[in-house]
Amino acid sequence: MIIEIGKTLISSEIIEQKFVCDLNACKGACCVEGDSGAPLEPDEAKTLEKIYPIVKKYLSKDGIEVIEKLGKYVVDDDEDLVTPTLGNDECVYYYRKDGITYCAIEKAFLNGEIAFKKPISCHLYPIRIKNYTEFEALNYDEQPICRAACVLGEQLQVPVYQFLKEPLVRKFGEEWYRDLEKVVELYIENEEKEENENN
C-alpha cells in the first residue's frame, strides 16, 4: 500500500516495519558499506565546502587524502552528488571509536562547531527518497546490516516513521509529520477493522 501526503508517496513498510538503531550490534556499518557515497542535495554539497576546515580534524588520514584529491563531494555513475569514498564503500566523513564508526560531521555538530547535522540522506536512513517530476517516493531500504535494528525495534515496538521523526520533520516540516500521524492512525484502524472482519 502507498500513502499519499501532499507531493510525497510513502511506502506502508515505513509504518509497519519496526526499527531502532543498535550501534553496539551494527558498529555503524551504514557509514562504511554500500556501492557509493552518501547522496547529497545541491545545497549540502556547498555546505560541505564550507564546513570541511572544521570537520577535518575528526577525519582519518586516508579520508583527508581522498577529499583533498577528489574534492568534498563527487558525482557518481548515476550522475548524482555523493560524498567521496575510500574504495567504493567507506564514506570519507567518518571516525572510529571503540570499534564503532561514527559520522565526523555529526560530531562537529554535537560539539556546537557547525549548524549542519549531517546529510539528510544519512539522517533519514533506512528511508530512501527517490525524486520524480511530480512527487517524492519514500521507501524503506531493507539491508542485512540493519537486522539488529529491526530486532530492537520489535522489542520496543517503534516503527520506522516514529524512530525517524526528527529527520522527517527536518525534511518535510512539522505539518507534514502531523498529517502522516493522522494517516497512520486511520491506516491502523482500517487494518484492525479488516482483521476483525476476517476472524
N, C-alpha and C. Protein backbone atom coordinates (compact mmCIF):
# COMPACT_ATOMS: atom_id res chain seq x y z
N MET A 1 0.84 -1.21 0.00
CA MET A 1 0.00 0.00 0.00
C MET A 1 0.88 1.25 0.00
N ILE A 2 0.44 2.25 -0.75
CA ILE A 2 1.16 3.53 -0.83
C ILE A 2 0.30 4.62 -0.20
N ILE A 3 0.92 5.43 0.64
CA ILE A 3 0.23 6.52 1.33
C ILE A 3 0.67 7.84 0.69
N GLU A 4 -0.29 8.69 0.38
CA GLU A 4 -0.01 9.96 -0.29
C GLU A 4 -0.25 11.12 0.67
N ILE A 5 0.77 11.95 0.84
CA ILE A 5 0.64 13.18 1.62
C ILE A 5 1.28 14.30 0.80
N GLY A 6 0.46 15.23 0.35
CA GLY A 6 0.97 16.30 -0.49
C GLY A 6 1.61 15.70 -1.74
N LYS A 7 2.88 16.05 -1.96
CA LYS A 7 3.60 15.53 -3.12
C LYS A 7 4.59 14.44 -2.73
N THR A 8 4.24 13.70 -1.67
CA THR A 8 5.07 12.56 -1.26
C THR A 8 4.24 11.28 -1.29
N LEU A 9 4.87 10.20 -1.71
CA LEU A 9 4.27 8.87 -1.70
C LEU A 9 5.09 8.02 -0.73
N ILE A 10 4.43 7.45 0.25
CA ILE A 10 5.11 6.76 1.34
C ILE A 10 4.75 5.29 1.36
N SER A 11 5.76 4.44 1.33
CA SER A 11 5.53 3.00 1.38
C SER A 11 4.98 2.61 2.75
N SER A 12 4.03 1.68 2.77
CA SER A 12 3.44 1.24 4.04
C SER A 12 4.47 0.57 4.94
N GLU A 13 5.57 0.09 4.39
CA GLU A 13 6.63 -0.52 5.21
C GLU A 13 7.18 0.47 6.24
N ILE A 14 7.16 1.75 5.90
CA ILE A 14 7.67 2.78 6.81
C ILE A 14 6.78 2.89 8.04
N ILE A 15 5.53 2.49 7.90
CA ILE A 15 4.60 2.47 9.04
C ILE A 15 4.64 1.13 9.77
N GLU A 16 4.75 0.06 9.00
CA GLU A 16 4.64 -1.27 9.58
C GLU A 16 5.95 -1.80 10.17
N GLN A 17 7.08 -1.53 9.50
CA GLN A 17 8.35 -2.08 9.95
C GLN A 17 8.82 -1.43 11.24
N LYS A 18 9.23 -2.24 12.19
CA LYS A 18 9.78 -1.74 13.46
C LYS A 18 11.29 -1.57 13.32
N PHE A 19 11.83 -0.48 13.91
CA PHE A 19 13.25 -0.17 13.67
C PHE A 19 13.78 0.79 14.72
N VAL A 20 14.87 0.40 15.38
CA VAL A 20 15.61 1.29 16.28
C VAL A 20 17.09 0.95 16.13
N CYS A 21 17.90 1.91 15.72
CA CYS A 21 19.33 1.66 15.52
C CYS A 21 19.97 1.06 16.76
N ASP A 22 20.84 0.06 16.54
CA ASP A 22 21.55 -0.60 17.62
C ASP A 22 23.04 -0.57 17.27
N LEU A 23 23.68 0.55 17.60
CA LEU A 23 25.09 0.75 17.22
C LEU A 23 26.02 -0.30 17.80
N ASN A 24 25.71 -0.79 18.98
CA ASN A 24 26.57 -1.80 19.58
C ASN A 24 26.57 -3.09 18.77
N ALA A 25 25.49 -3.31 18.01
CA ALA A 25 25.40 -4.51 17.19
C ALA A 25 25.95 -4.29 15.78
N CYS A 26 25.56 -3.18 15.14
CA CYS A 26 25.95 -2.97 13.74
C CYS A 26 27.28 -2.25 13.58
N LYS A 27 27.75 -1.59 14.65
CA LYS A 27 29.03 -0.87 14.64
C LYS A 27 29.08 0.27 13.63
N GLY A 28 27.88 0.81 13.27
CA GLY A 28 27.86 1.93 12.32
C GLY A 28 28.13 1.51 10.89
N ALA A 29 27.71 0.31 10.55
CA ALA A 29 28.01 -0.25 9.23
C ALA A 29 27.46 0.57 8.07
N CYS A 30 26.34 1.30 8.29
CA CYS A 30 25.74 2.05 7.18
C CYS A 30 26.66 3.16 6.67
N CYS A 31 27.64 3.57 7.49
CA CYS A 31 28.59 4.60 7.06
C CYS A 31 29.69 4.04 6.15
N VAL A 32 29.88 2.73 6.21
CA VAL A 32 31.04 2.16 5.52
C VAL A 32 30.71 1.02 4.57
N GLU A 33 29.41 0.75 4.36
CA GLU A 33 29.03 -0.29 3.41
C GLU A 33 28.10 0.29 2.37
N GLY A 34 28.31 -0.09 1.12
CA GLY A 34 27.48 0.40 0.03
C GLY A 34 28.27 0.46 -1.25
N ASP A 35 27.61 0.88 -2.33
CA ASP A 35 28.30 0.93 -3.62
C ASP A 35 28.56 2.36 -4.07
N SER A 36 28.31 3.32 -3.17
CA SER A 36 28.55 4.73 -3.49
C SER A 36 28.57 5.51 -2.19
N GLY A 37 28.90 6.79 -2.28
CA GLY A 37 28.88 7.64 -1.09
C GLY A 37 27.46 8.03 -0.71
N ALA A 38 27.33 8.81 0.35
CA ALA A 38 26.01 9.27 0.80
C ALA A 38 25.44 10.27 -0.21
N PRO A 39 24.18 10.08 -0.65
CA PRO A 39 23.56 11.04 -1.56
C PRO A 39 23.49 12.43 -0.94
N LEU A 40 23.72 13.44 -1.76
CA LEU A 40 23.73 14.83 -1.29
C LEU A 40 22.76 15.68 -2.11
N GLU A 41 22.12 16.62 -1.44
CA GLU A 41 21.35 17.64 -2.14
C GLU A 41 22.33 18.76 -2.53
N PRO A 42 22.02 19.52 -3.59
CA PRO A 42 22.96 20.56 -4.06
C PRO A 42 23.43 21.52 -2.97
N ASP A 43 22.51 21.95 -2.09
CA ASP A 43 22.91 22.89 -1.04
C ASP A 43 23.81 22.20 -0.01
N GLU A 44 23.64 20.88 0.15
CA GLU A 44 24.50 20.16 1.09
C GLU A 44 25.93 20.06 0.56
N ALA A 45 26.07 19.91 -0.75
CA ALA A 45 27.41 19.87 -1.35
C ALA A 45 28.14 21.19 -1.07
N LYS A 46 27.43 22.30 -1.20
CA LYS A 46 28.03 23.61 -0.92
C LYS A 46 28.38 23.73 0.56
N THR A 47 27.52 23.17 1.42
CA THR A 47 27.78 23.22 2.86
C THR A 47 29.05 22.45 3.21
N LEU A 48 29.26 21.31 2.56
CA LEU A 48 30.47 20.52 2.84
C LEU A 48 31.74 21.33 2.53
N GLU A 49 31.67 22.14 1.48
CA GLU A 49 32.81 23.01 1.15
C GLU A 49 33.11 23.95 2.31
N LYS A 50 32.06 24.49 2.92
CA LYS A 50 32.23 25.49 3.99
C LYS A 50 32.70 24.87 5.30
N ILE A 51 32.17 23.69 5.63
CA ILE A 51 32.44 23.12 6.95
C ILE A 51 33.68 22.22 6.98
N TYR A 52 34.22 21.89 5.83
CA TYR A 52 35.35 20.96 5.79
C TYR A 52 36.51 21.37 6.71
N PRO A 53 36.91 22.63 6.72
CA PRO A 53 38.04 23.00 7.60
C PRO A 53 37.76 22.69 9.08
N ILE A 54 36.50 22.71 9.48
CA ILE A 54 36.15 22.42 10.87
C ILE A 54 36.08 20.91 11.11
N VAL A 55 35.50 20.20 10.16
CA VAL A 55 35.31 18.76 10.30
C VAL A 55 36.62 17.99 10.11
N LYS A 56 37.54 18.58 9.39
CA LYS A 56 38.78 17.89 9.00
C LYS A 56 39.51 17.25 10.17
N LYS A 57 39.53 17.91 11.32
CA LYS A 57 40.30 17.38 12.45
C LYS A 57 39.76 16.07 13.00
N TYR A 58 38.53 15.74 12.64
CA TYR A 58 37.93 14.49 13.12
C TYR A 58 38.11 13.34 12.11
N LEU A 59 38.61 13.64 10.93
CA LEU A 59 38.69 12.64 9.87
C LEU A 59 39.96 11.81 9.94
N SER A 60 39.91 10.63 9.32
CA SER A 60 41.09 9.78 9.23
C SER A 60 42.08 10.37 8.22
N LYS A 61 43.32 9.95 8.32
CA LYS A 61 44.34 10.40 7.38
C LYS A 61 43.97 10.00 5.95
N ASP A 62 43.47 8.76 5.81
CA ASP A 62 43.08 8.28 4.47
C ASP A 62 41.91 9.09 3.93
N GLY A 63 40.96 9.42 4.81
CA GLY A 63 39.81 10.20 4.38
C GLY A 63 40.21 11.58 3.88
N ILE A 64 41.11 12.21 4.61
CA ILE A 64 41.60 13.55 4.22
C ILE A 64 42.29 13.49 2.87
N GLU A 65 43.10 12.46 2.66
CA GLU A 65 43.81 12.31 1.38
C GLU A 65 42.84 12.20 0.21
N VAL A 66 41.77 11.43 0.39
CA VAL A 66 40.77 11.25 -0.67
C VAL A 66 40.05 12.56 -0.95
N ILE A 67 39.64 13.26 0.11
CA ILE A 67 38.93 14.52 -0.06
C ILE A 67 39.80 15.55 -0.77
N GLU A 68 41.05 15.63 -0.39
CA GLU A 68 41.93 16.65 -0.97
C GLU A 68 42.36 16.28 -2.38
N LYS A 69 42.14 15.03 -2.75
CA LYS A 69 42.42 14.61 -4.13
C LYS A 69 41.18 14.75 -5.01
N LEU A 70 40.01 14.30 -4.49
CA LEU A 70 38.79 14.26 -5.30
C LEU A 70 37.84 15.43 -5.07
N GLY A 71 37.93 16.05 -3.89
CA GLY A 71 37.01 17.13 -3.54
C GLY A 71 36.11 16.74 -2.38
N LYS A 72 35.37 17.72 -1.86
CA LYS A 72 34.49 17.48 -0.71
C LYS A 72 33.28 16.64 -1.09
N TYR A 73 32.94 16.59 -2.37
CA TYR A 73 31.86 15.76 -2.89
C TYR A 73 32.23 15.37 -4.32
N VAL A 74 31.57 14.34 -4.83
CA VAL A 74 31.84 13.88 -6.19
C VAL A 74 30.51 13.56 -6.88
N VAL A 75 30.58 13.26 -8.17
CA VAL A 75 29.42 12.83 -8.94
C VAL A 75 29.61 11.35 -9.25
N ASP A 76 28.61 10.52 -8.89
CA ASP A 76 28.76 9.08 -9.09
C ASP A 76 28.35 8.66 -10.49
N ASP A 77 28.31 7.34 -10.73
CA ASP A 77 28.00 6.81 -12.06
C ASP A 77 26.58 7.13 -12.50
N ASP A 78 25.69 7.41 -11.55
CA ASP A 78 24.31 7.78 -11.89
C ASP A 78 24.12 9.28 -12.04
N GLU A 79 25.24 10.01 -12.04
CA GLU A 79 25.22 11.47 -12.16
C GLU A 79 24.61 12.15 -10.94
N ASP A 80 24.70 11.50 -9.78
CA ASP A 80 24.20 12.07 -8.53
C ASP A 80 25.35 12.61 -7.68
N LEU A 81 25.08 13.67 -6.92
CA LEU A 81 26.07 14.19 -5.99
C LEU A 81 26.14 13.26 -4.78
N VAL A 82 27.35 12.86 -4.41
CA VAL A 82 27.55 11.97 -3.26
C VAL A 82 28.84 12.35 -2.54
N THR A 83 28.98 11.84 -1.32
CA THR A 83 30.24 12.03 -0.61
C THR A 83 31.29 11.11 -1.23
N PRO A 84 32.56 11.51 -1.20
CA PRO A 84 33.62 10.62 -1.70
C PRO A 84 33.74 9.39 -0.79
N THR A 85 34.34 8.34 -1.32
CA THR A 85 34.52 7.13 -0.53
C THR A 85 35.95 6.64 -0.59
N LEU A 86 36.30 5.84 0.41
CA LEU A 86 37.56 5.10 0.40
C LEU A 86 37.27 3.80 -0.33
N GLY A 87 37.87 3.59 -1.49
CA GLY A 87 37.48 2.45 -2.29
C GLY A 87 36.11 2.74 -2.87
N ASN A 88 35.18 1.80 -2.73
CA ASN A 88 33.83 2.01 -3.25
C ASN A 88 32.77 1.92 -2.17
N ASP A 89 33.19 1.99 -0.90
CA ASP A 89 32.18 1.80 0.14
C ASP A 89 32.27 2.78 1.30
N GLU A 90 33.42 2.95 1.93
CA GLU A 90 33.51 3.76 3.14
C GLU A 90 33.41 5.26 2.85
N CYS A 91 32.37 5.90 3.39
CA CYS A 91 32.26 7.35 3.30
C CYS A 91 33.47 7.97 4.01
N VAL A 92 34.04 9.00 3.42
CA VAL A 92 35.26 9.60 3.99
C VAL A 92 34.98 10.42 5.25
N TYR A 93 33.73 10.81 5.47
CA TYR A 93 33.41 11.67 6.61
C TYR A 93 33.08 10.84 7.86
N TYR A 94 34.04 10.04 8.29
CA TYR A 94 33.80 9.18 9.45
C TYR A 94 34.99 9.21 10.39
N TYR A 95 34.76 8.71 11.60
CA TYR A 95 35.85 8.40 12.52
C TYR A 95 35.42 7.19 13.33
N ARG A 96 36.38 6.51 13.94
CA ARG A 96 36.05 5.32 14.72
C ARG A 96 36.47 5.48 16.17
N LYS A 97 35.61 4.97 17.05
CA LYS A 97 35.89 4.98 18.48
C LYS A 97 35.37 3.68 19.07
N ASP A 98 36.22 2.98 19.78
CA ASP A 98 35.84 1.71 20.43
C ASP A 98 35.23 0.73 19.43
N GLY A 99 35.76 0.73 18.20
CA GLY A 99 35.30 -0.22 17.20
C GLY A 99 34.01 0.15 16.50
N ILE A 100 33.46 1.33 16.81
CA ILE A 100 32.21 1.78 16.18
C ILE A 100 32.49 2.97 15.26
N THR A 101 31.88 2.95 14.09
CA THR A 101 32.04 4.04 13.13
C THR A 101 30.99 5.12 13.37
N TYR A 102 31.47 6.36 13.45
CA TYR A 102 30.58 7.50 13.68
C TYR A 102 30.77 8.54 12.57
N CYS A 103 29.76 9.41 12.42
CA CYS A 103 29.84 10.50 11.44
C CYS A 103 30.63 11.67 12.02
N ALA A 104 31.70 12.06 11.34
CA ALA A 104 32.53 13.17 11.80
C ALA A 104 31.80 14.50 11.68
N ILE A 105 30.91 14.61 10.69
CA ILE A 105 30.11 15.83 10.54
C ILE A 105 29.21 16.00 11.75
N GLU A 106 28.55 14.91 12.14
CA GLU A 106 27.66 14.95 13.29
C GLU A 106 28.42 15.25 14.58
N LYS A 107 29.65 14.76 14.68
CA LYS A 107 30.46 15.04 15.87
C LYS A 107 30.70 16.55 16.00
N ALA A 108 31.06 17.20 14.88
CA ALA A 108 31.27 18.64 14.91
C ALA A 108 29.98 19.37 15.26
N PHE A 109 28.85 18.86 14.76
CA PHE A 109 27.55 19.45 15.08
C PHE A 109 27.24 19.33 16.57
N LEU A 110 27.42 18.14 17.11
CA LEU A 110 27.12 17.90 18.53
C LEU A 110 28.05 18.69 19.45
N ASN A 111 29.24 19.00 18.95
CA ASN A 111 30.18 19.82 19.72
C ASN A 111 29.90 21.31 19.57
N GLY A 112 28.85 21.67 18.82
CA GLY A 112 28.48 23.07 18.66
C GLY A 112 29.35 23.86 17.72
N GLU A 113 30.09 23.16 16.85
CA GLU A 113 31.03 23.83 15.95
C GLU A 113 30.41 24.20 14.61
N ILE A 114 29.36 23.49 14.21
CA ILE A 114 28.68 23.76 12.95
C ILE A 114 27.17 23.62 13.16
N ALA A 115 26.37 24.17 12.24
CA ALA A 115 24.92 24.11 12.36
C ALA A 115 24.31 23.00 11.52
N PHE A 116 25.13 22.29 10.75
CA PHE A 116 24.67 21.24 9.84
C PHE A 116 24.92 19.89 10.51
N LYS A 117 23.84 19.11 10.74
CA LYS A 117 24.00 17.85 11.48
C LYS A 117 24.68 16.78 10.65
N LYS A 118 24.17 16.52 9.47
CA LYS A 118 24.74 15.57 8.51
C LYS A 118 23.82 15.55 7.30
N PRO A 119 24.25 14.95 6.18
CA PRO A 119 23.37 14.89 5.01
C PRO A 119 22.03 14.27 5.36
N ILE A 120 20.96 14.81 4.80
CA ILE A 120 19.62 14.33 5.14
C ILE A 120 19.45 12.87 4.74
N SER A 121 20.14 12.41 3.70
CA SER A 121 20.04 11.01 3.30
C SER A 121 20.56 10.08 4.39
N CYS A 122 21.58 10.52 5.13
CA CYS A 122 22.12 9.74 6.24
C CYS A 122 21.17 9.81 7.44
N HIS A 123 20.67 11.00 7.70
CA HIS A 123 19.79 11.24 8.84
C HIS A 123 18.50 10.42 8.70
N LEU A 124 18.03 10.25 7.46
CA LEU A 124 16.78 9.55 7.21
C LEU A 124 16.92 8.03 7.10
N TYR A 125 18.13 7.53 7.00
CA TYR A 125 18.29 6.10 6.78
C TYR A 125 17.65 5.29 7.90
N PRO A 126 16.87 4.22 7.63
CA PRO A 126 16.79 3.43 6.39
C PRO A 126 15.70 3.86 5.39
N ILE A 127 15.20 5.08 5.50
CA ILE A 127 14.30 5.59 4.46
C ILE A 127 15.16 6.16 3.33
N ARG A 128 14.82 5.76 2.13
CA ARG A 128 15.46 6.32 0.94
C ARG A 128 14.42 7.09 0.14
N ILE A 129 14.81 8.24 -0.40
CA ILE A 129 13.89 9.08 -1.18
C ILE A 129 14.29 9.07 -2.65
N LYS A 130 13.32 8.80 -3.49
CA LYS A 130 13.52 8.86 -4.95
C LYS A 130 12.72 10.04 -5.48
N ASN A 131 13.40 10.95 -6.16
CA ASN A 131 12.75 12.14 -6.69
C ASN A 131 12.22 11.91 -8.10
N TYR A 132 10.95 12.24 -8.29
CA TYR A 132 10.32 12.20 -9.60
C TYR A 132 9.84 13.60 -9.95
N THR A 133 9.38 13.79 -11.16
CA THR A 133 8.96 15.12 -11.60
C THR A 133 7.84 15.69 -10.75
N GLU A 134 6.83 14.86 -10.45
CA GLU A 134 5.64 15.34 -9.75
C GLU A 134 5.61 15.02 -8.26
N PHE A 135 6.49 14.13 -7.80
CA PHE A 135 6.42 13.72 -6.39
C PHE A 135 7.75 13.13 -5.92
N GLU A 136 7.82 12.90 -4.60
CA GLU A 136 8.96 12.21 -4.00
C GLU A 136 8.45 10.90 -3.39
N ALA A 137 9.15 9.81 -3.66
CA ALA A 137 8.76 8.49 -3.15
C ALA A 137 9.66 8.11 -1.98
N LEU A 138 9.03 7.77 -0.85
CA LEU A 138 9.77 7.36 0.35
C LEU A 138 9.62 5.85 0.51
N ASN A 139 10.75 5.15 0.54
CA ASN A 139 10.73 3.70 0.67
C ASN A 139 11.65 3.25 1.80
N TYR A 140 11.30 2.13 2.38
CA TYR A 140 12.13 1.50 3.41
C TYR A 140 13.19 0.66 2.73
N ASP A 141 14.46 0.90 3.06
CA ASP A 141 15.57 0.19 2.45
C ASP A 141 16.02 -0.94 3.38
N GLU A 142 15.56 -2.14 3.08
CA GLU A 142 15.88 -3.29 3.94
C GLU A 142 17.28 -3.81 3.62
N GLN A 143 18.15 -3.85 4.64
CA GLN A 143 19.51 -4.32 4.45
C GLN A 143 19.91 -5.26 5.58
N PRO A 144 20.73 -6.29 5.27
CA PRO A 144 21.19 -7.23 6.30
C PRO A 144 21.91 -6.55 7.46
N ILE A 145 22.61 -5.44 7.20
CA ILE A 145 23.36 -4.76 8.25
C ILE A 145 22.45 -4.18 9.33
N CYS A 146 21.15 -4.07 9.02
CA CYS A 146 20.21 -3.47 9.97
C CYS A 146 19.30 -4.50 10.66
N ARG A 147 19.66 -5.78 10.59
CA ARG A 147 18.82 -6.80 11.23
C ARG A 147 18.67 -6.54 12.72
N ALA A 148 19.77 -6.15 13.38
CA ALA A 148 19.72 -5.90 14.82
C ALA A 148 18.78 -4.74 15.14
N ALA A 149 18.73 -3.74 14.25
CA ALA A 149 17.84 -2.59 14.45
C ALA A 149 16.38 -3.03 14.36
N CYS A 150 16.10 -3.98 13.47
CA CYS A 150 14.73 -4.49 13.34
C CYS A 150 14.34 -5.29 14.58
N VAL A 151 15.28 -6.06 15.10
CA VAL A 151 15.01 -6.84 16.32
C VAL A 151 14.73 -5.91 17.49
N LEU A 152 15.58 -4.87 17.65
CA LEU A 152 15.39 -3.92 18.75
C LEU A 152 14.09 -3.14 18.56
N GLY A 153 13.78 -2.78 17.33
CA GLY A 153 12.54 -2.07 17.04
C GLY A 153 11.31 -2.90 17.42
N GLU A 154 11.37 -4.21 17.15
CA GLU A 154 10.28 -5.11 17.52
C GLU A 154 10.14 -5.18 19.03
N GLN A 155 11.27 -5.26 19.71
CA GLN A 155 11.24 -5.34 21.17
C GLN A 155 10.61 -4.09 21.78
N LEU A 156 10.95 -2.93 21.21
CA LEU A 156 10.46 -1.65 21.74
C LEU A 156 9.16 -1.20 21.08
N GLN A 157 8.76 -1.90 20.02
CA GLN A 157 7.54 -1.57 19.27
C GLN A 157 7.57 -0.13 18.74
N VAL A 158 8.69 0.20 18.06
CA VAL A 158 8.86 1.53 17.46
C VAL A 158 8.93 1.38 15.94
N PRO A 159 7.95 1.89 15.20
CA PRO A 159 8.00 1.82 13.74
C PRO A 159 9.00 2.83 13.16
N VAL A 160 9.38 2.58 11.93
CA VAL A 160 10.38 3.41 11.25
C VAL A 160 10.03 4.89 11.32
N TYR A 161 8.77 5.23 10.99
CA TYR A 161 8.40 6.65 10.90
C TYR A 161 8.52 7.36 12.25
N GLN A 162 8.31 6.64 13.35
CA GLN A 162 8.47 7.24 14.68
C GLN A 162 9.94 7.38 15.05
N PHE A 163 10.71 6.35 14.74
CA PHE A 163 12.16 6.41 15.03
C PHE A 163 12.80 7.57 14.27
N LEU A 164 12.31 7.84 13.08
CA LEU A 164 12.90 8.88 12.23
C LEU A 164 12.10 10.18 12.22
N LYS A 165 11.39 10.46 13.30
CA LYS A 165 10.58 11.68 13.36
C LYS A 165 11.45 12.92 13.13
N GLU A 166 12.57 13.02 13.81
CA GLU A 166 13.41 14.22 13.70
C GLU A 166 13.84 14.50 12.26
N PRO A 167 14.43 13.54 11.54
CA PRO A 167 14.82 13.84 10.16
C PRO A 167 13.63 14.03 9.22
N LEU A 168 12.51 13.35 9.47
CA LEU A 168 11.33 13.56 8.63
C LEU A 168 10.79 14.98 8.79
N VAL A 169 10.78 15.48 10.02
CA VAL A 169 10.37 16.86 10.26
C VAL A 169 11.38 17.82 9.64
N ARG A 170 12.64 17.49 9.77
CA ARG A 170 13.69 18.33 9.16
C ARG A 170 13.49 18.44 7.65
N LYS A 171 13.13 17.33 7.02
CA LYS A 171 12.98 17.30 5.56
C LYS A 171 11.65 17.89 5.09
N PHE A 172 10.55 17.51 5.75
CA PHE A 172 9.22 17.85 5.23
C PHE A 172 8.42 18.82 6.10
N GLY A 173 8.85 19.05 7.35
CA GLY A 173 8.16 20.01 8.21
C GLY A 173 7.22 19.36 9.22
N GLU A 174 6.89 20.12 10.26
CA GLU A 174 6.02 19.65 11.34
C GLU A 174 4.62 19.31 10.84
N GLU A 175 4.05 20.15 9.98
CA GLU A 175 2.68 19.93 9.50
C GLU A 175 2.59 18.63 8.71
N TRP A 176 3.59 18.38 7.86
CA TRP A 176 3.62 17.14 7.09
C TRP A 176 3.65 15.94 8.03
N TYR A 177 4.46 16.03 9.09
CA TYR A 177 4.57 14.89 10.01
C TYR A 177 3.26 14.68 10.77
N ARG A 178 2.60 15.76 11.15
CA ARG A 178 1.29 15.63 11.81
C ARG A 178 0.29 14.96 10.88
N ASP A 179 0.34 15.34 9.60
CA ASP A 179 -0.56 14.70 8.62
C ASP A 179 -0.24 13.21 8.51
N LEU A 180 1.04 12.87 8.55
CA LEU A 180 1.44 11.47 8.50
C LEU A 180 0.88 10.71 9.69
N GLU A 181 0.97 11.29 10.88
CA GLU A 181 0.45 10.63 12.08
C GLU A 181 -1.05 10.38 11.97
N LYS A 182 -1.78 11.35 11.40
CA LYS A 182 -3.24 11.18 11.22
C LYS A 182 -3.54 10.04 10.25
N VAL A 183 -2.77 9.99 9.16
CA VAL A 183 -2.97 8.94 8.17
C VAL A 183 -2.64 7.58 8.77
N VAL A 184 -1.58 7.53 9.56
CA VAL A 184 -1.19 6.27 10.21
C VAL A 184 -2.29 5.78 11.13
N GLU A 185 -2.89 6.70 11.87
CA GLU A 185 -3.97 6.34 12.79
C GLU A 185 -5.13 5.70 12.02
N LEU A 186 -5.50 6.30 10.90
CA LEU A 186 -6.58 5.74 10.08
C LEU A 186 -6.17 4.40 9.47
N TYR A 187 -4.92 4.32 9.05
CA TYR A 187 -4.40 3.10 8.45
C TYR A 187 -4.48 1.93 9.44
N ILE A 188 -4.06 2.19 10.69
CA ILE A 188 -4.10 1.15 11.72
C ILE A 188 -5.53 0.75 12.04
N GLU A 189 -6.42 1.74 12.11
CA GLU A 189 -7.85 1.46 12.37
C GLU A 189 -8.43 0.55 11.29
N ASN A 190 -8.10 0.85 10.02
CA ASN A 190 -8.61 0.04 8.91
C ASN A 190 -8.04 -1.37 8.94
N GLU A 191 -6.75 -1.48 9.29
CA GLU A 191 -6.12 -2.79 9.39
C GLU A 191 -6.79 -3.63 10.47
N GLU A 192 -7.05 -3.01 11.62
CA GLU A 192 -7.69 -3.72 12.73
C GLU A 192 -9.12 -4.11 12.37
N LYS A 193 -9.82 -3.22 11.67
CA LYS A 193 -11.20 -3.49 11.26
C LYS A 193 -11.25 -4.69 10.31
N GLU A 194 -10.34 -4.71 9.34
CA GLU A 194 -10.29 -5.81 8.38
C GLU A 194 -9.95 -7.12 9.08
N GLU A 195 -9.05 -7.04 10.04
CA GLU A 195 -8.65 -8.24 10.78
C GLU A 195 -9.83 -8.81 11.58
N ASN A 196 -10.58 -7.91 12.20
CA ASN A 196 -11.75 -8.34 12.99
C ASN A 196 -12.83 -8.95 12.11
N GLU A 197 -12.99 -8.37 10.92
CA GLU A 197 -14.00 -8.88 9.99
C GLU A 197 -13.63 -10.27 9.46
N ASN A 198 -12.32 -10.53 9.38
CA ASN A 198 -11.86 -11.81 8.86
C ASN A 198 -11.84 -12.91 9.91
N ASN A 199 -12.00 -12.51 11.18
CA ASN A 199 -11.98 -13.50 12.27
C ASN A 199 -13.38 -14.00 12.62
